Protein backbone atom coordinates (compact mmCIF):
# COMPACT_ATOMS: atom_id res chain seq x y z
CA MET A 1 45.75 -58.33 -3.90
CA ILE A 2 45.86 -55.99 -6.30
CA LYS A 3 42.15 -55.19 -6.89
CA ALA A 4 41.38 -55.02 -3.21
CA ILE A 5 44.55 -52.34 -3.25
CA VAL A 6 43.07 -50.41 -6.33
CA MET A 7 39.71 -49.70 -4.28
CA HIS A 8 41.17 -48.68 -0.80
CA GLU A 9 43.62 -46.32 -2.60
CA LEU A 10 40.19 -45.35 -4.40
CA ARG A 11 39.21 -45.47 -0.66
CA LEU A 12 36.39 -48.00 -1.94
CA ILE A 13 35.27 -51.38 0.48
CA HIS A 14 33.74 -53.70 -1.94
CA THR A 15 32.19 -55.73 0.92
CA ASP A 16 31.43 -58.89 -0.64
CA LEU A 17 34.22 -59.75 -2.33
CA LYS A 18 33.89 -64.25 -3.02
CA PRO A 19 35.02 -66.24 -5.30
CA GLU A 20 31.41 -65.40 -7.67
CA ASN A 21 32.36 -61.91 -8.00
CA ILE A 22 36.10 -62.79 -9.03
CA LEU A 23 35.94 -63.42 -12.69
CA LEU A 24 39.48 -64.80 -14.97
CA VAL A 25 39.17 -62.03 -18.01
CA SER A 26 40.35 -65.34 -20.53
CA PRO A 27 38.48 -68.39 -20.48
CA ASP A 28 41.54 -69.98 -22.66
CA TYR A 29 42.44 -73.53 -19.95
CA VAL A 30 45.31 -76.22 -20.39
CA LYS A 31 44.80 -79.59 -19.16
CA VAL A 32 47.40 -80.68 -17.59
CA PRO A 33 47.20 -84.19 -15.80
CA ASP A 34 45.53 -85.17 -12.97
CA TYR A 35 47.81 -87.13 -10.81
CA LYS A 36 46.24 -86.93 -7.42
CA ASN A 37 42.85 -88.58 -9.09
CA SER A 38 44.20 -90.31 -11.25
CA SER A 39 43.32 -94.03 -10.72
CA ARG A 40 39.73 -93.03 -10.35
CA SER A 41 40.08 -90.53 -13.58
CA GLN A 42 41.88 -93.94 -15.84
CA ARG A 43 37.87 -95.46 -15.46
CA ASP A 44 36.64 -92.67 -17.11
CA GLY A 45 39.15 -92.06 -19.63
CA SER A 46 39.16 -88.45 -17.80
CA TYR A 47 42.57 -87.86 -15.93
CA PHE A 48 43.47 -84.88 -17.13
CA LYS A 49 42.63 -80.74 -14.79
CA ARG A 50 41.50 -77.75 -16.97
CA VAL A 51 43.94 -74.68 -15.28
CA PRO A 52 43.23 -70.90 -16.44
CA LYS A 53 45.82 -69.94 -19.15
CA TYR A 54 45.98 -66.70 -17.59
CA SER A 55 46.09 -66.01 -14.62
CA SER A 56 44.43 -61.66 -14.93
CA ILE A 57 40.86 -61.73 -13.25
CA LYS A 58 38.81 -59.05 -12.90
CA VAL A 59 35.90 -58.19 -10.07
CA ILE A 60 32.13 -57.72 -9.92
CA ASP A 61 29.46 -56.81 -8.14
CA PHE A 62 30.19 -53.41 -7.16
CA GLY A 63 26.67 -52.91 -5.58
CA SER A 64 27.18 -53.57 -1.81
CA THR A 65 30.33 -50.79 -2.54
CA THR A 66 30.79 -47.98 0.15
CA TYR A 67 32.84 -45.35 1.08
CA GLU A 68 34.26 -45.57 4.58
CA ARG A 69 32.12 -43.44 7.30
CA GLN A 70 31.42 -43.95 10.82
CA ASP A 71 28.61 -45.40 11.05
CA GLN A 72 29.30 -48.67 9.39
CA ASN A 73 27.23 -50.86 11.57
CA TYR A 74 25.07 -53.42 9.41
CA ILE A 75 25.80 -56.51 7.83
CA VAL A 76 28.40 -56.71 5.29
CA SER A 77 30.10 -59.48 3.14
CA THR A 78 28.56 -63.05 2.28
CA ARG A 79 28.00 -65.57 4.95
CA HIS A 80 31.90 -67.78 4.68
CA TYR A 81 33.40 -63.92 3.67
CA ARG A 82 32.00 -62.48 6.81
CA ALA A 83 34.54 -60.97 8.93
CA PRO A 84 34.52 -61.56 13.31
CA GLU A 85 33.85 -57.59 13.84
CA VAL A 86 30.82 -57.87 11.34
CA ILE A 87 29.06 -60.76 12.98
CA LEU A 88 30.43 -59.26 16.56
CA GLY A 89 28.88 -55.31 15.74
CA LEU A 90 32.46 -53.96 16.44
CA GLY A 91 32.25 -52.05 13.09
CA TRP A 92 33.62 -52.75 10.09
CA SER A 93 36.49 -50.69 7.03
CA TYR A 94 39.62 -51.62 4.82
CA PRO A 95 40.18 -54.68 6.63
CA CYS A 96 36.85 -56.57 6.19
CA ASP A 97 37.72 -57.18 2.44
CA VAL A 98 40.87 -58.22 3.42
CA TRP A 99 39.21 -61.27 5.81
CA SER A 100 37.37 -61.93 2.92
CA VAL A 101 40.61 -61.94 0.47
CA GLY A 102 41.87 -64.89 3.27
CA CYS A 103 38.88 -66.96 2.97
CA ILE A 104 38.58 -67.07 -0.43
CA LEU A 105 42.46 -68.39 -1.06
CA VAL A 106 41.55 -70.94 1.34
CA GLU A 107 39.00 -71.89 -0.59
CA LEU A 108 41.09 -71.37 -3.99
CA CYS A 109 43.78 -73.70 -2.07
CA THR A 110 41.37 -76.75 -0.66
CA GLY A 111 38.45 -76.54 -2.71
CA GLU A 112 36.06 -75.78 -0.40
CA ALA A 113 34.71 -72.40 1.66
CA LEU A 114 36.08 -72.70 4.84
CA PHE A 115 33.96 -71.48 7.20
CA GLN A 116 30.53 -73.67 5.63
CA THR A 117 27.93 -71.78 8.16
CA HIS A 118 24.92 -70.25 7.88
CA GLU A 119 24.67 -69.02 11.85
CA ASN A 120 26.55 -66.69 13.70
CA LEU A 121 27.67 -68.37 17.49
CA GLU A 122 28.73 -71.16 14.67
CA HIS A 123 30.27 -69.18 12.55
CA LEU A 124 32.44 -67.72 15.51
CA ALA A 125 33.04 -71.20 17.00
CA MET A 126 34.29 -71.94 13.59
CA MET A 127 37.18 -69.76 13.53
CA GLU A 128 38.58 -70.16 17.19
CA GLN A 129 38.40 -74.46 15.48
CA VAL A 130 40.77 -73.32 12.33
CA LEU A 131 42.30 -69.77 14.36
CA GLY A 132 42.72 -70.46 18.11
CA PRO A 133 40.58 -68.56 20.41
CA LEU A 134 38.97 -64.63 19.98
CA PRO A 135 40.47 -61.55 22.12
CA HIS A 136 38.92 -60.96 24.88
CA HIS A 137 39.18 -57.23 24.05
CA MET A 138 36.86 -58.17 21.13
CA PHE A 139 33.59 -59.33 23.19
CA LYS A 140 34.58 -55.81 25.64
CA LYS A 141 32.85 -54.25 22.85
CA ILE A 142 31.13 -55.80 21.02
CA ASP A 143 27.04 -54.31 20.05
CA ARG A 144 23.76 -55.90 21.99
CA HIS A 145 22.82 -57.23 19.61
CA ALA A 146 25.71 -59.86 19.45
CA GLU A 147 25.98 -59.90 23.68
CA LYS A 148 24.08 -63.94 23.43
CA TYR A 149 27.17 -64.82 21.52
CA VAL A 150 29.44 -64.12 24.94
CA ARG A 151 29.30 -65.14 27.99
CA ARG A 152 31.62 -64.54 30.85
CA GLY A 153 34.37 -62.90 29.18
CA ARG A 154 34.47 -65.72 26.13
CA LEU A 155 32.49 -67.65 23.07
CA ASN A 156 29.54 -69.32 24.78
CA TRP A 157 30.82 -72.89 23.14
CA PRO A 158 29.24 -75.59 23.32
CA GLU A 159 27.40 -74.76 25.95
CA GLY A 160 24.48 -72.53 23.87
CA ALA A 161 24.84 -74.38 20.98
CA ALA A 162 22.08 -74.89 18.28
CA SER A 163 22.24 -78.52 18.07
CA ARG A 164 24.96 -81.38 18.32
CA ASP A 165 25.33 -81.18 15.12
CA SER A 166 26.72 -77.78 14.71
CA ILE A 167 29.01 -79.15 17.72
CA ARG A 168 30.51 -81.84 15.51
CA ALA A 169 30.95 -79.34 12.36
CA VAL A 170 33.06 -77.28 14.58
CA LEU A 171 35.09 -79.99 16.01
CA LYS A 172 35.79 -81.74 12.67
CA LEU A 173 37.42 -78.59 11.50
CA PRO A 174 41.49 -78.79 11.21
CA ARG A 175 43.82 -75.79 12.43
CA LEU A 176 44.38 -73.45 9.98
CA GLN A 177 48.32 -74.84 9.38
CA ASN A 178 46.78 -78.37 8.82
CA LEU A 179 44.10 -77.95 6.76
CA ILE A 180 47.02 -75.74 4.14
CA MET A 181 49.14 -78.71 5.20
CA GLN A 182 47.30 -81.82 3.19
CA HIS A 183 46.15 -79.16 -0.50
CA VAL A 184 50.10 -77.81 0.32
CA ASP A 185 53.12 -79.69 -1.63
CA HIS A 186 55.78 -76.35 -2.25
CA SER A 187 55.21 -72.76 -0.36
CA ALA A 188 52.89 -74.13 2.37
CA GLY A 189 54.41 -72.13 5.02
CA ASP A 190 54.91 -69.05 3.47
CA LEU A 191 51.39 -69.63 2.31
CA ILE A 192 50.14 -70.06 5.94
CA HIS A 193 51.71 -67.26 7.32
CA LEU A 194 50.31 -65.25 4.61
CA LEU A 195 46.93 -66.39 6.11
CA GLN A 196 47.42 -65.73 9.25
CA GLY A 197 48.48 -62.46 9.08
CA LEU A 198 45.22 -61.70 6.27
CA LEU A 199 42.68 -63.51 9.15
CA ARG A 200 43.55 -61.46 11.96
CA TYR A 201 40.80 -61.64 14.53
CA ASP A 202 41.34 -57.40 15.35
CA PRO A 203 40.94 -55.61 12.58
CA THR A 204 43.61 -52.85 13.15
CA GLU A 205 46.26 -55.78 13.46
CA ARG A 206 44.78 -57.39 9.68
CA LEU A 207 47.25 -57.01 7.09
CA PRO A 208 46.50 -54.21 5.09
CA ALA A 209 45.29 -55.25 0.60
CA LEU A 210 49.12 -53.52 0.16
CA ASP A 211 51.24 -54.77 2.34
CA ALA A 212 50.23 -58.32 1.75
CA LEU A 213 51.15 -58.30 -2.06
CA LYS A 214 54.54 -58.11 -0.89
CA HIS A 215 54.24 -60.71 1.45
CA PRO A 216 56.77 -63.36 0.40
CA PHE A 217 54.87 -65.95 -0.55
CA PHE A 218 53.89 -63.99 -3.44
CA MET A 219 57.70 -62.84 -4.28
CA ARG A 220 58.36 -66.26 -4.92
CA GLU A 221 55.02 -67.59 -7.01
CA HIS A 222 55.62 -64.81 -9.33
CA LEU A 223 59.30 -65.85 -9.75
CA ARG A 224 58.37 -69.69 -10.52
CA ARG A 225 56.60 -68.68 -13.25
């Protein structure tokens, strides 16, 4: 989040934040007992997991980074971390990085990408399954290329689904609150509240990076160290 603040203060939008572009500064780690998988691990003799010794990170791959302009309507971000305004052709700015950070935090929590899809309509349907309905005012401004995703003021789902497998892939996703509570023992409430701010559909209502860093989740995690 600090890296996003620095970039945004420089009026830079990374546009491709994802785990592959966030590296640990130090390769050092410590071994801690893997209680969650202890029964399996004891059988093969490896009942430890490696935890980074230092939390310092650096962001890489600035090949798609751009300054803020008025004509930013082209597609950016790797699929799983792409914000809804990008998919709907509504234009994008700094908040698209914030959405990506929210997706990354969920992935760090669960071990899996939040939206595992390669198709736009399915992607939007997954968002609604996890986060609730997309706001109607966003549908009213969509790009002509995205009109096929909307019917009668709502997402054209499941009617427009490519297959039954696609529908099943969407329906199996839990709500954000339930997903986080499956993996977090403490601070679940703070993390959920933070993610709800980072993953707001409307980019004008999404938490700015600086405000997100001041969230109680980060403050309390800092005090625990």
